[in-house]
Amino acid sequence: VEVWHVYLAAFAVGLATVVDNPARQTFVS
């Protein structure tokens, strides 16, 4: 592991969150 690996993983999670977060929020209703 190098620090750029962590940066890349954080960005990848962020990309998934773009859809995941509003989907989870609105799915509650």
mmCIF file of all heavy atoms, coordinates in Angstrom:
data_MODEL
# 
_entry.id   MODEL 
# 
loop_
_atom_site.group_PDB 
_atom_site.id 
_atom_site.type_symbol 
_atom_site.label_atom_id 
_atom_site.label_alt_id 
_atom_site.label_comp_id 
_atom_site.label_asym_id 
_atom_site.label_entity_id 
_atom_site.label_seq_id 
_atom_site.pdbx_PDB_ins_code 
_atom_site.Cartn_x 
_atom_site.Cartn_y 
_atom_site.Cartn_z 
_atom_site.occupancy 
_atom_site.B_iso_or_equiv 
_atom_site.pdbx_formal_charge 
_atom_site.auth_seq_id 
_atom_site.auth_comp_id 
_atom_site.auth_asym_id 
_atom_site.auth_atom_id 
_atom_site.pdbx_PDB_model_num 
ATOM 1   N N   . VAL A 1 1  ? 0.821   -1.206 0.000  1.00 0.00 ? 1  VAL A N   1 
ATOM 2   C CA  . VAL A 1 1  ? 0.000   0.000  0.000  1.00 0.00 ? 1  VAL A CA  1 
ATOM 3   C C   . VAL A 1 1  ? 0.856   1.258  0.000  1.00 0.00 ? 1  VAL A C   1 
ATOM 4   O O   . VAL A 1 1  ? 1.892   1.336  0.667  1.00 0.00 ? 1  VAL A O   1 
ATOM 5   C CB  . VAL A 1 1  ? -0.963  0.001  1.213  1.00 0.00 ? 1  VAL A CB  1 
ATOM 6   C CG1 . VAL A 1 1  ? -0.205  0.204  2.536  1.00 0.00 ? 1  VAL A CG1 1 
ATOM 7   C CG2 . VAL A 1 1  ? -2.036  1.072  1.055  1.00 0.00 ? 1  VAL A CG2 1 
ATOM 8   N N   . GLU A 1 2  ? 0.463   2.214  -0.796 1.00 0.00 ? 2  GLU A N   1 
ATOM 9   C CA  . GLU A 1 2  ? 1.054   3.540  -0.829 1.00 0.00 ? 2  GLU A CA  1 
ATOM 10  C C   . GLU A 1 2  ? -0.063  4.560  -0.669 1.00 0.00 ? 2  GLU A C   1 
ATOM 11  O O   . GLU A 1 2  ? -1.247  4.232  -0.842 1.00 0.00 ? 2  GLU A O   1 
ATOM 12  C CB  . GLU A 1 2  ? 1.809   3.763  -2.143 1.00 0.00 ? 2  GLU A CB  1 
ATOM 13  C CG  . GLU A 1 2  ? 2.980   2.814  -2.348 1.00 0.00 ? 2  GLU A CG  1 
ATOM 14  C CD  . GLU A 1 2  ? 3.705   3.056  -3.658 1.00 0.00 ? 2  GLU A CD  1 
ATOM 15  O OE1 . GLU A 1 2  ? 3.592   4.182  -4.196 1.00 0.00 ? 2  GLU A OE1 1 
ATOM 16  O OE2 . GLU A 1 2  ? 4.368   2.126  -4.150 1.00 0.00 ? 2  GLU A OE2 1 
ATOM 17  N N   . VAL A 1 3  ? 0.313   5.788  -0.379 1.00 0.00 ? 3  VAL A N   1 
ATOM 18  C CA  . VAL A 1 3  ? -0.709  6.782  -0.073 1.00 0.00 ? 3  VAL A CA  1 
ATOM 19  C C   . VAL A 1 3  ? -1.615  7.027  -1.273 1.00 0.00 ? 3  VAL A C   1 
ATOM 20  O O   . VAL A 1 3  ? -2.827  7.269  -1.121 1.00 0.00 ? 3  VAL A O   1 
ATOM 21  C CB  . VAL A 1 3  ? -0.071  8.093  0.417  1.00 0.00 ? 3  VAL A CB  1 
ATOM 22  C CG1 . VAL A 1 3  ? 0.680   8.806  -0.698 1.00 0.00 ? 3  VAL A CG1 1 
ATOM 23  C CG2 . VAL A 1 3  ? -1.135  9.015  1.017  1.00 0.00 ? 3  VAL A CG2 1 
ATOM 24  N N   . TRP A 1 4  ? -1.098  6.901  -2.502 1.00 0.00 ? 4  TRP A N   1 
ATOM 25  C CA  . TRP A 1 4  ? -1.962  7.131  -3.661 1.00 0.00 ? 4  TRP A CA  1 
ATOM 26  C C   . TRP A 1 4  ? -3.005  6.031  -3.807 1.00 0.00 ? 4  TRP A C   1 
ATOM 27  O O   . TRP A 1 4  ? -4.083  6.262  -4.379 1.00 0.00 ? 4  TRP A O   1 
ATOM 28  C CB  . TRP A 1 4  ? -1.136  7.296  -4.941 1.00 0.00 ? 4  TRP A CB  1 
ATOM 29  C CG  . TRP A 1 4  ? -0.493  6.043  -5.470 1.00 0.00 ? 4  TRP A CG  1 
ATOM 30  C CD1 . TRP A 1 4  ? 0.752   5.581  -5.211 1.00 0.00 ? 4  TRP A CD1 1 
ATOM 31  C CD2 . TRP A 1 4  ? -1.079  5.118  -6.400 1.00 0.00 ? 4  TRP A CD2 1 
ATOM 32  N NE1 . TRP A 1 4  ? 0.992   4.414  -5.895 1.00 0.00 ? 4  TRP A NE1 1 
ATOM 33  C CE2 . TRP A 1 4  ? -0.104  4.109  -6.645 1.00 0.00 ? 4  TRP A CE2 1 
ATOM 34  C CE3 . TRP A 1 4  ? -2.311  5.038  -7.044 1.00 0.00 ? 4  TRP A CE3 1 
ATOM 35  C CZ2 . TRP A 1 4  ? -0.353  3.034  -7.498 1.00 0.00 ? 4  TRP A CZ2 1 
ATOM 36  C CZ3 . TRP A 1 4  ? -2.553  3.966  -7.899 1.00 0.00 ? 4  TRP A CZ3 1 
ATOM 37  C CH2 . TRP A 1 4  ? -1.585  2.980  -8.116 1.00 0.00 ? 4  TRP A CH2 1 
ATOM 38  N N   . HIS A 1 5  ? -2.705  4.840  -3.297 1.00 0.00 ? 5  HIS A N   1 
ATOM 39  C CA  . HIS A 1 5  ? -3.715  3.775  -3.282 1.00 0.00 ? 5  HIS A CA  1 
ATOM 40  C C   . HIS A 1 5  ? -4.900  4.179  -2.403 1.00 0.00 ? 5  HIS A C   1 
ATOM 41  O O   . HIS A 1 5  ? -6.062  3.943  -2.759 1.00 0.00 ? 5  HIS A O   1 
ATOM 42  C CB  . HIS A 1 5  ? -3.119  2.469  -2.763 1.00 0.00 ? 5  HIS A CB  1 
ATOM 43  C CG  . HIS A 1 5  ? -2.095  1.871  -3.655 1.00 0.00 ? 5  HIS A CG  1 
ATOM 44  N ND1 . HIS A 1 5  ? -0.951  1.258  -3.174 1.00 0.00 ? 5  HIS A ND1 1 
ATOM 45  C CD2 . HIS A 1 5  ? -2.023  1.776  -5.011 1.00 0.00 ? 5  HIS A CD2 1 
ATOM 46  C CE1 . HIS A 1 5  ? -0.231  0.804  -4.181 1.00 0.00 ? 5  HIS A CE1 1 
ATOM 47  N NE2 . HIS A 1 5  ? -0.854  1.112  -5.307 1.00 0.00 ? 5  HIS A NE2 1 
ATOM 48  N N   . VAL A 1 6  ? -4.589  4.758  -1.254 1.00 0.00 ? 6  VAL A N   1 
ATOM 49  C CA  . VAL A 1 6  ? -5.655  5.195  -0.344 1.00 0.00 ? 6  VAL A CA  1 
ATOM 50  C C   . VAL A 1 6  ? -6.455  6.321  -0.989 1.00 0.00 ? 6  VAL A C   1 
ATOM 51  O O   . VAL A 1 6  ? -7.684  6.363  -0.890 1.00 0.00 ? 6  VAL A O   1 
ATOM 52  C CB  . VAL A 1 6  ? -5.068  5.651  1.001  1.00 0.00 ? 6  VAL A CB  1 
ATOM 53  C CG1 . VAL A 1 6  ? -6.192  5.990  1.986  1.00 0.00 ? 6  VAL A CG1 1 
ATOM 54  C CG2 . VAL A 1 6  ? -4.163  4.569  1.593  1.00 0.00 ? 6  VAL A CG2 1 
ATOM 55  N N   . TYR A 1 7  ? -5.749  7.250  -1.647 1.00 0.00 ? 7  TYR A N   1 
ATOM 56  C CA  . TYR A 1 7  ? -6.435  8.326  -2.357 1.00 0.00 ? 7  TYR A CA  1 
ATOM 57  C C   . TYR A 1 7  ? -7.399  7.755  -3.406 1.00 0.00 ? 7  TYR A C   1 
ATOM 58  O O   . TYR A 1 7  ? -8.559  8.191  -3.518 1.00 0.00 ? 7  TYR A O   1 
ATOM 59  C CB  . TYR A 1 7  ? -5.431  9.239  -3.053 1.00 0.00 ? 7  TYR A CB  1 
ATOM 60  C CG  . TYR A 1 7  ? -4.611  10.126 -2.147 1.00 0.00 ? 7  TYR A CG  1 
ATOM 61  C CD1 . TYR A 1 7  ? -3.466  10.755 -2.627 1.00 0.00 ? 7  TYR A CD1 1 
ATOM 62  C CD2 . TYR A 1 7  ? -4.967  10.351 -0.821 1.00 0.00 ? 7  TYR A CD2 1 
ATOM 63  C CE1 . TYR A 1 7  ? -2.702  11.580 -1.816 1.00 0.00 ? 7  TYR A CE1 1 
ATOM 64  C CE2 . TYR A 1 7  ? -4.215  11.161 -0.003 1.00 0.00 ? 7  TYR A CE2 1 
ATOM 65  C CZ  . TYR A 1 7  ? -3.074  11.779 -0.500 1.00 0.00 ? 7  TYR A CZ  1 
ATOM 66  O OH  . TYR A 1 7  ? -2.321  12.597 0.301  1.00 0.00 ? 7  TYR A OH  1 
ATOM 67  N N   . LEU A 1 8  ? -6.922  6.774  -4.182 1.00 0.00 ? 8  LEU A N   1 
ATOM 68  C CA  . LEU A 1 8  ? -7.742  6.191  -5.242 1.00 0.00 ? 8  LEU A CA  1 
ATOM 69  C C   . LEU A 1 8  ? -8.956  5.465  -4.662 1.00 0.00 ? 8  LEU A C   1 
ATOM 70  O O   . LEU A 1 8  ? -10.075 5.579  -5.179 1.00 0.00 ? 8  LEU A O   1 
ATOM 71  C CB  . LEU A 1 8  ? -6.902  5.227  -6.075 1.00 0.00 ? 8  LEU A CB  1 
ATOM 72  C CG  . LEU A 1 8  ? -7.600  4.572  -7.272 1.00 0.00 ? 8  LEU A CG  1 
ATOM 73  C CD1 . LEU A 1 8  ? -8.059  5.633  -8.269 1.00 0.00 ? 8  LEU A CD1 1 
ATOM 74  C CD2 . LEU A 1 8  ? -6.668  3.564  -7.956 1.00 0.00 ? 8  LEU A CD2 1 
ATOM 75  N N   . ALA A 1 9  ? -8.741  4.733  -3.571 1.00 0.00 ? 9  ALA A N   1 
ATOM 76  C CA  . ALA A 1 9  ? -9.860  4.019  -2.936 1.00 0.00 ? 9  ALA A CA  1 
ATOM 77  C C   . ALA A 1 9  ? -10.896 4.998  -2.393 1.00 0.00 ? 9  ALA A C   1 
ATOM 78  O O   . ALA A 1 9  ? -12.104 4.775  -2.520 1.00 0.00 ? 9  ALA A O   1 
ATOM 79  C CB  . ALA A 1 9  ? -9.338  3.125  -1.809 1.00 0.00 ? 9  ALA A CB  1 
ATOM 80  N N   . ALA A 1 10 ? -10.433 6.094  -1.781 1.00 0.00 ? 10 ALA A N   1 
ATOM 81  C CA  . ALA A 1 10 ? -11.354 7.104  -1.261 1.00 0.00 ? 10 ALA A CA  1 
ATOM 82  C C   . ALA A 1 10 ? -12.176 7.712  -2.393 1.00 0.00 ? 10 ALA A C   1 
ATOM 83  O O   . ALA A 1 10 ? -13.392 7.921  -2.254 1.00 0.00 ? 10 ALA A O   1 
ATOM 84  C CB  . ALA A 1 10 ? -10.579 8.185  -0.517 1.00 0.00 ? 10 ALA A CB  1 
ATOM 85  N N   . PHE A 1 11 ? -11.540 7.986  -3.518 1.00 0.00 ? 11 PHE A N   1 
ATOM 86  C CA  . PHE A 1 11 ? -12.262 8.561  -4.654 1.00 0.00 ? 11 PHE A CA  1 
ATOM 87  C C   . PHE A 1 11 ? -13.267 7.570  -5.225 1.00 0.00 ? 11 PHE A C   1 
ATOM 88  O O   . PHE A 1 11 ? -14.388 7.953  -5.606 1.00 0.00 ? 11 PHE A O   1 
ATOM 89  C CB  . PHE A 1 11 ? -11.257 8.983  -5.732 1.00 0.00 ? 11 PHE A CB  1 
ATOM 90  C CG  . PHE A 1 11 ? -11.874 9.773  -6.852 1.00 0.00 ? 11 PHE A CG  1 
ATOM 91  C CD1 . PHE A 1 11 ? -12.211 11.111 -6.672 1.00 0.00 ? 11 PHE A CD1 1 
ATOM 92  C CD2 . PHE A 1 11 ? -12.122 9.180  -8.076 1.00 0.00 ? 11 PHE A CD2 1 
ATOM 93  C CE1 . PHE A 1 11 ? -12.781 11.839 -7.705 1.00 0.00 ? 11 PHE A CE1 1 
ATOM 94  C CE2 . PHE A 1 11 ? -12.688 9.908  -9.119 1.00 0.00 ? 11 PHE A CE2 1 
ATOM 95  C CZ  . PHE A 1 11 ? -13.019 11.248 -8.935 1.00 0.00 ? 11 PHE A CZ  1 
ATOM 96  N N   . ALA A 1 12 ? -12.904 6.285  -5.277 1.00 0.00 ? 12 ALA A N   1 
ATOM 97  C CA  . ALA A 1 12 ? -13.811 5.262  -5.792 1.00 0.00 ? 12 ALA A CA  1 
ATOM 98  C C   . ALA A 1 12 ? -15.059 5.129  -4.914 1.00 0.00 ? 12 ALA A C   1 
ATOM 99  O O   . ALA A 1 12 ? -16.190 5.018  -5.418 1.00 0.00 ? 12 ALA A O   1 
ATOM 100 C CB  . ALA A 1 12 ? -13.090 3.915  -5.889 1.00 0.00 ? 12 ALA A CB  1 
ATOM 101 N N   . VAL A 1 13 ? -14.864 5.147  -3.602 1.00 0.00 ? 13 VAL A N   1 
ATOM 102 C CA  . VAL A 1 13 ? -16.011 5.109  -2.687 1.00 0.00 ? 13 VAL A CA  1 
ATOM 103 C C   . VAL A 1 13 ? -16.883 6.344  -2.894 1.00 0.00 ? 13 VAL A C   1 
ATOM 104 O O   . VAL A 1 13 ? -18.116 6.267  -2.873 1.00 0.00 ? 13 VAL A O   1 
ATOM 105 C CB  . VAL A 1 13 ? -15.527 5.019  -1.225 1.00 0.00 ? 13 VAL A CB  1 
ATOM 106 C CG1 . VAL A 1 13 ? -16.687 5.236  -0.257 1.00 0.00 ? 13 VAL A CG1 1 
ATOM 107 C CG2 . VAL A 1 13 ? -14.877 3.667  -0.965 1.00 0.00 ? 13 VAL A CG2 1 
ATOM 108 N N   . GLY A 1 14 ? -16.234 7.484  -3.110 1.00 0.00 ? 14 GLY A N   1 
ATOM 109 C CA  . GLY A 1 14 ? -16.992 8.709  -3.357 1.00 0.00 ? 14 GLY A CA  1 
ATOM 110 C C   . GLY A 1 14 ? -17.849 8.627  -4.599 1.00 0.00 ? 14 GLY A C   1 
ATOM 111 O O   . GLY A 1 14 ? -18.983 9.120  -4.622 1.00 0.00 ? 14 GLY A O   1 
ATOM 112 N N   . LEU A 1 15 ? -17.333 7.986  -5.656 1.00 0.00 ? 15 LEU A N   1 
ATOM 113 C CA  . LEU A 1 15 ? -18.120 7.825  -6.880 1.00 0.00 ? 15 LEU A CA  1 
ATOM 114 C C   . LEU A 1 15 ? -19.370 6.987  -6.632 1.00 0.00 ? 15 LEU A C   1 
ATOM 115 O O   . LEU A 1 15 ? -20.457 7.308  -7.118 1.00 0.00 ? 15 LEU A O   1 
ATOM 116 C CB  . LEU A 1 15 ? -17.264 7.179  -7.963 1.00 0.00 ? 15 LEU A CB  1 
ATOM 117 C CG  . LEU A 1 15 ? -16.222 8.074  -8.653 1.00 0.00 ? 15 LEU A CG  1 
ATOM 118 C CD1 . LEU A 1 15 ? -15.379 7.243  -9.613 1.00 0.00 ? 15 LEU A CD1 1 
ATOM 119 C CD2 . LEU A 1 15 ? -16.897 9.223  -9.396 1.00 0.00 ? 15 LEU A CD2 1 
ATOM 120 N N   . ALA A 1 16 ? -19.209 5.902  -5.887 1.00 0.00 ? 16 ALA A N   1 
ATOM 121 C CA  . ALA A 1 16 ? -20.381 5.074  -5.563 1.00 0.00 ? 16 ALA A CA  1 
ATOM 122 C C   . ALA A 1 16 ? -21.376 5.838  -4.700 1.00 0.00 ? 16 ALA A C   1 
ATOM 123 O O   . ALA A 1 16 ? -22.595 5.682  -4.839 1.00 0.00 ? 16 ALA A O   1 
ATOM 124 C CB  . ALA A 1 16 ? -19.933 3.802  -4.849 1.00 0.00 ? 16 ALA A CB  1 
ATOM 125 N N   . THR A 1 17 ? -20.859 6.696  -3.833 1.00 0.00 ? 17 THR A N   1 
ATOM 126 C CA  . THR A 1 17 ? -21.711 7.461  -2.928 1.00 0.00 ? 17 THR A CA  1 
ATOM 127 C C   . THR A 1 17 ? -22.599 8.447  -3.668 1.00 0.00 ? 17 THR A C   1 
ATOM 128 O O   . THR A 1 17 ? -23.676 8.800  -3.185 1.00 0.00 ? 17 THR A O   1 
ATOM 129 C CB  . THR A 1 17 ? -20.842 8.204  -1.896 1.00 0.00 ? 17 THR A CB  1 
ATOM 130 O OG1 . THR A 1 17 ? -20.056 7.250  -1.182 1.00 0.00 ? 17 THR A OG1 1 
ATOM 131 C CG2 . THR A 1 17 ? -21.694 8.975  -0.897 1.00 0.00 ? 17 THR A CG2 1 
ATOM 132 N N   . VAL A 1 18 ? -22.167 8.895  -4.843 1.00 0.00 ? 18 VAL A N   1 
ATOM 133 C CA  . VAL A 1 18 ? -22.953 9.850  -5.630 1.00 0.00 ? 18 VAL A CA  1 
ATOM 134 C C   . VAL A 1 18 ? -24.374 9.328  -5.869 1.00 0.00 ? 18 VAL A C   1 
ATOM 135 O O   . VAL A 1 18 ? -25.343 10.087 -5.809 1.00 0.00 ? 18 VAL A O   1 
ATOM 136 C CB  . VAL A 1 18 ? -22.248 10.138 -6.980 1.00 0.00 ? 18 VAL A CB  1 
ATOM 137 C CG1 . VAL A 1 18 ? -23.178 10.866 -7.940 1.00 0.00 ? 18 VAL A CG1 1 
ATOM 138 C CG2 . VAL A 1 18 ? -20.985 10.964 -6.742 1.00 0.00 ? 18 VAL A CG2 1 
ATOM 139 N N   . VAL A 1 19 ? -24.490 8.033  -6.121 1.00 0.00 ? 19 VAL A N   1 
ATOM 140 C CA  . VAL A 1 19 ? -25.807 7.424  -6.304 1.00 0.00 ? 19 VAL A CA  1 
ATOM 141 C C   . VAL A 1 19 ? -26.312 6.815  -4.999 1.00 0.00 ? 19 VAL A C   1 
ATOM 142 O O   . VAL A 1 19 ? -27.501 6.898  -4.677 1.00 0.00 ? 19 VAL A O   1 
ATOM 143 C CB  . VAL A 1 19 ? -25.765 6.352  -7.411 1.00 0.00 ? 19 VAL A CB  1 
ATOM 144 C CG1 . VAL A 1 19 ? -27.094 5.615  -7.515 1.00 0.00 ? 19 VAL A CG1 1 
ATOM 145 C CG2 . VAL A 1 19 ? -25.425 7.002  -8.749 1.00 0.00 ? 19 VAL A CG2 1 
ATOM 146 N N   . ASP A 1 20 ? -25.422 6.212  -4.220 1.00 0.00 ? 20 ASP A N   1 
ATOM 147 C CA  . ASP A 1 20 ? -25.828 5.489  -3.019 1.00 0.00 ? 20 ASP A CA  1 
ATOM 148 C C   . ASP A 1 20 ? -26.508 6.397  -2.002 1.00 0.00 ? 20 ASP A C   1 
ATOM 149 O O   . ASP A 1 20 ? -27.529 6.017  -1.417 1.00 0.00 ? 20 ASP A O   1 
ATOM 150 C CB  . ASP A 1 20 ? -24.600 4.826  -2.382 1.00 0.00 ? 20 ASP A CB  1 
ATOM 151 C CG  . ASP A 1 20 ? -24.963 3.961  -1.195 1.00 0.00 ? 20 ASP A CG  1 
ATOM 152 O OD1 . ASP A 1 20 ? -25.410 2.817  -1.411 1.00 0.00 ? 20 ASP A OD1 1 
ATOM 153 O OD2 . ASP A 1 20 ? -24.794 4.427  -0.051 1.00 0.00 ? 20 ASP A OD2 1 
ATOM 154 N N   . ASN A 1 21 ? -25.961 7.585  -1.789 1.00 0.00 ? 21 ASN A N   1 
ATOM 155 C CA  . ASN A 1 21 ? -26.503 8.441  -0.735 1.00 0.00 ? 21 ASN A CA  1 
ATOM 156 C C   . ASN A 1 21 ? -27.921 8.926  -1.016 1.00 0.00 ? 21 ASN A C   1 
ATOM 157 O O   . ASN A 1 21 ? -28.812 8.724  -0.186 1.00 0.00 ? 21 ASN A O   1 
ATOM 158 C CB  . ASN A 1 21 ? -25.562 9.612  -0.472 1.00 0.00 ? 21 ASN A CB  1 
ATOM 159 C CG  . ASN A 1 21 ? -25.096 9.639  0.968  1.00 0.00 ? 21 ASN A CG  1 
ATOM 160 O OD1 . ASN A 1 21 ? -25.896 9.726  1.881  1.00 0.00 ? 21 ASN A OD1 1 
ATOM 161 N ND2 . ASN A 1 21 ? -23.801 9.544  1.171  1.00 0.00 ? 21 ASN A ND2 1 
ATOM 162 N N   . PRO A 1 22 ? -28.188 9.569  -2.151 1.00 0.00 ? 22 PRO A N   1 
ATOM 163 C CA  . PRO A 1 22 ? -29.582 9.967  -2.386 1.00 0.00 ? 22 PRO A CA  1 
ATOM 164 C C   . PRO A 1 22 ? -30.517 8.772  -2.515 1.00 0.00 ? 22 PRO A C   1 
ATOM 165 O O   . PRO A 1 22 ? -31.697 8.869  -2.144 1.00 0.00 ? 22 PRO A O   1 
ATOM 166 C CB  . PRO A 1 22 ? -29.507 10.776 -3.689 1.00 0.00 ? 22 PRO A CB  1 
ATOM 167 C CG  . PRO A 1 22 ? -28.235 10.383 -4.333 1.00 0.00 ? 22 PRO A CG  1 
ATOM 168 C CD  . PRO A 1 22 ? -27.293 10.046 -3.210 1.00 0.00 ? 22 PRO A CD  1 
ATOM 169 N N   . ALA A 1 23 ? -30.005 7.637  -3.015 1.00 0.00 ? 23 ALA A N   1 
ATOM 170 C CA  . ALA A 1 23 ? -30.858 6.451  -3.114 1.00 0.00 ? 23 ALA A CA  1 
ATOM 171 C C   . ALA A 1 23 ? -31.260 5.957  -1.732 1.00 0.00 ? 23 ALA A C   1 
ATOM 172 O O   . ALA A 1 23 ? -32.427 5.619  -1.489 1.00 0.00 ? 23 ALA A O   1 
ATOM 173 C CB  . ALA A 1 23 ? -30.134 5.348  -3.892 1.00 0.00 ? 23 ALA A CB  1 
ATOM 174 N N   . ARG A 1 24 ? -30.299 5.892  -0.797 1.00 0.00 ? 24 ARG A N   1 
ATOM 175 C CA  . ARG A 1 24 ? -30.624 5.451  0.563  1.00 0.00 ? 24 ARG A CA  1 
ATOM 176 C C   . ARG A 1 24 ? -31.559 6.443  1.251  1.00 0.00 ? 24 ARG A C   1 
ATOM 177 O O   . ARG A 1 24 ? -32.489 6.046  1.961  1.00 0.00 ? 24 ARG A O   1 
ATOM 178 C CB  . ARG A 1 24 ? -29.348 5.285  1.389  1.00 0.00 ? 24 ARG A CB  1 
ATOM 179 C CG  . ARG A 1 24 ? -28.652 3.963  1.157  1.00 0.00 ? 24 ARG A CG  1 
ATOM 180 C CD  . ARG A 1 24 ? -27.551 3.701  2.162  1.00 0.00 ? 24 ARG A CD  1 
ATOM 181 N NE  . ARG A 1 24 ? -26.455 4.650  2.051  1.00 0.00 ? 24 ARG A NE  1 
ATOM 182 C CZ  . ARG A 1 24 ? -26.191 5.609  2.930  1.00 0.00 ? 24 ARG A CZ  1 
ATOM 183 N NH1 . ARG A 1 24 ? -26.960 5.763  3.990  1.00 0.00 ? 24 ARG A NH1 1 
ATOM 184 N NH2 . ARG A 1 24 ? -25.163 6.414  2.752  1.00 0.00 ? 24 ARG A NH2 1 
ATOM 185 N N   . GLN A 1 25 ? -31.299 7.734  1.066  1.00 0.00 ? 25 GLN A N   1 
ATOM 186 C CA  . GLN A 1 25 ? -32.135 8.739  1.719  1.00 0.00 ? 25 GLN A CA  1 
ATOM 187 C C   . GLN A 1 25 ? -33.584 8.642  1.243  1.00 0.00 ? 25 GLN A C   1 
ATOM 188 O O   . GLN A 1 25 ? -34.517 8.670  2.041  1.00 0.00 ? 25 GLN A O   1 
ATOM 189 C CB  . GLN A 1 25 ? -31.587 10.138 1.433  1.00 0.00 ? 25 GLN A CB  1 
ATOM 190 C CG  . GLN A 1 25 ? -30.181 10.404 1.952  1.00 0.00 ? 25 GLN A CG  1 
ATOM 191 C CD  . GLN A 1 25 ? -30.121 10.484 3.458  1.00 0.00 ? 25 GLN A CD  1 
ATOM 192 O OE1 . GLN A 1 25 ? -31.094 10.868 4.104  1.00 0.00 ? 25 GLN A OE1 1 
ATOM 193 N NE2 . GLN A 1 25 ? -28.988 10.129 4.035  1.00 0.00 ? 25 GLN A NE2 1 
ATOM 194 N N   . THR A 1 26 ? -33.776 8.557  -0.062 1.00 0.00 ? 26 THR A N   1 
ATOM 195 C CA  . THR A 1 26 ? -35.139 8.550  -0.593 1.00 0.00 ? 26 THR A CA  1 
ATOM 196 C C   . THR A 1 26 ? -35.804 7.183  -0.463 1.00 0.00 ? 26 THR A C   1 
ATOM 197 O O   . THR A 1 26 ? -37.034 7.096  -0.420 1.00 0.00 ? 26 THR A O   1 
ATOM 198 C CB  . THR A 1 26 ? -35.133 8.971  -2.077 1.00 0.00 ? 26 THR A CB  1 
ATOM 199 O OG1 . THR A 1 26 ? -34.245 8.114  -2.820 1.00 0.00 ? 26 THR A OG1 1 
ATOM 200 C CG2 . THR A 1 26 ? -34.650 10.409 -2.218 1.00 0.00 ? 26 THR A CG2 1 
ATOM 201 N N   . PHE A 1 27 ? -35.029 6.108  -0.410 1.00 0.00 ? 27 PHE A N   1 
ATOM 202 C CA  . PHE A 1 27 ? -35.602 4.771  -0.259 1.00 0.00 ? 27 PHE A CA  1 
ATOM 203 C C   . PHE A 1 27 ? -36.277 4.607  1.100  1.00 0.00 ? 27 PHE A C   1 
ATOM 204 O O   . PHE A 1 27 ? -37.198 3.796  1.246  1.00 0.00 ? 27 PHE A O   1 
ATOM 205 C CB  . PHE A 1 27 ? -34.515 3.721  -0.447 1.00 0.00 ? 27 PHE A CB  1 
ATOM 206 C CG  . PHE A 1 27 ? -35.024 2.310  -0.568 1.00 0.00 ? 27 PHE A CG  1 
ATOM 207 C CD1 . PHE A 1 27 ? -36.058 2.002  -1.438 1.00 0.00 ? 27 PHE A CD1 1 
ATOM 208 C CD2 . PHE A 1 27 ? -34.461 1.286  0.182  1.00 0.00 ? 27 PHE A CD2 1 
ATOM 209 C CE1 . PHE A 1 27 ? -36.537 0.697  -1.557 1.00 0.00 ? 27 PHE A CE1 1 
ATOM 210 C CE2 . PHE A 1 27 ? -34.927 -0.014 0.067  1.00 0.00 ? 27 PHE A CE2 1 
ATOM 211 C CZ  . PHE A 1 27 ? -35.966 -0.308 -0.803 1.00 0.00 ? 27 PHE A CZ  1 
ATOM 212 N N   . VAL A 1 28 ? -35.842 5.376  2.087  1.00 0.00 ? 28 VAL A N   1 
ATOM 213 C CA  . VAL A 1 28 ? -36.464 5.304  3.407  1.00 0.00 ? 28 VAL A CA  1 
ATOM 214 C C   . VAL A 1 28 ? -37.952 5.599  3.312  1.00 0.00 ? 28 VAL A C   1 
ATOM 215 O O   . VAL A 1 28 ? -38.791 4.904  3.899  1.00 0.00 ? 28 VAL A O   1 
ATOM 216 C CB  . VAL A 1 28 ? -35.770 6.276  4.390  1.00 0.00 ? 28 VAL A CB  1 
ATOM 217 C CG1 . VAL A 1 28 ? -36.549 6.374  5.699  1.00 0.00 ? 28 VAL A CG1 1 
ATOM 218 C CG2 . VAL A 1 28 ? -34.349 5.822  4.671  1.00 0.00 ? 28 VAL A CG2 1 
ATOM 219 N N   . SER A 1 29 ? -38.325 6.640  2.564  1.00 0.00 ? 29 SER A N   1 
ATOM 220 C CA  . SER A 1 29 ? -39.744 6.984  2.458  1.00 0.00 ? 29 SER A CA  1 
ATOM 221 C C   . SER A 1 29 ? -40.529 5.891  1.749  1.00 0.00 ? 29 SER A C   1 
ATOM 222 O O   . SER A 1 29 ? -41.710 5.689  2.024  1.00 0.00 ? 29 SER A O   1 
ATOM 223 C CB  . SER A 1 29 ? -39.906 8.320  1.721  1.00 0.00 ? 29 SER A CB  1 
ATOM 224 O OG  . SER A 1 29 ? -39.451 8.210  0.386  1.00 0.00 ? 29 SER A OG  1 
# 
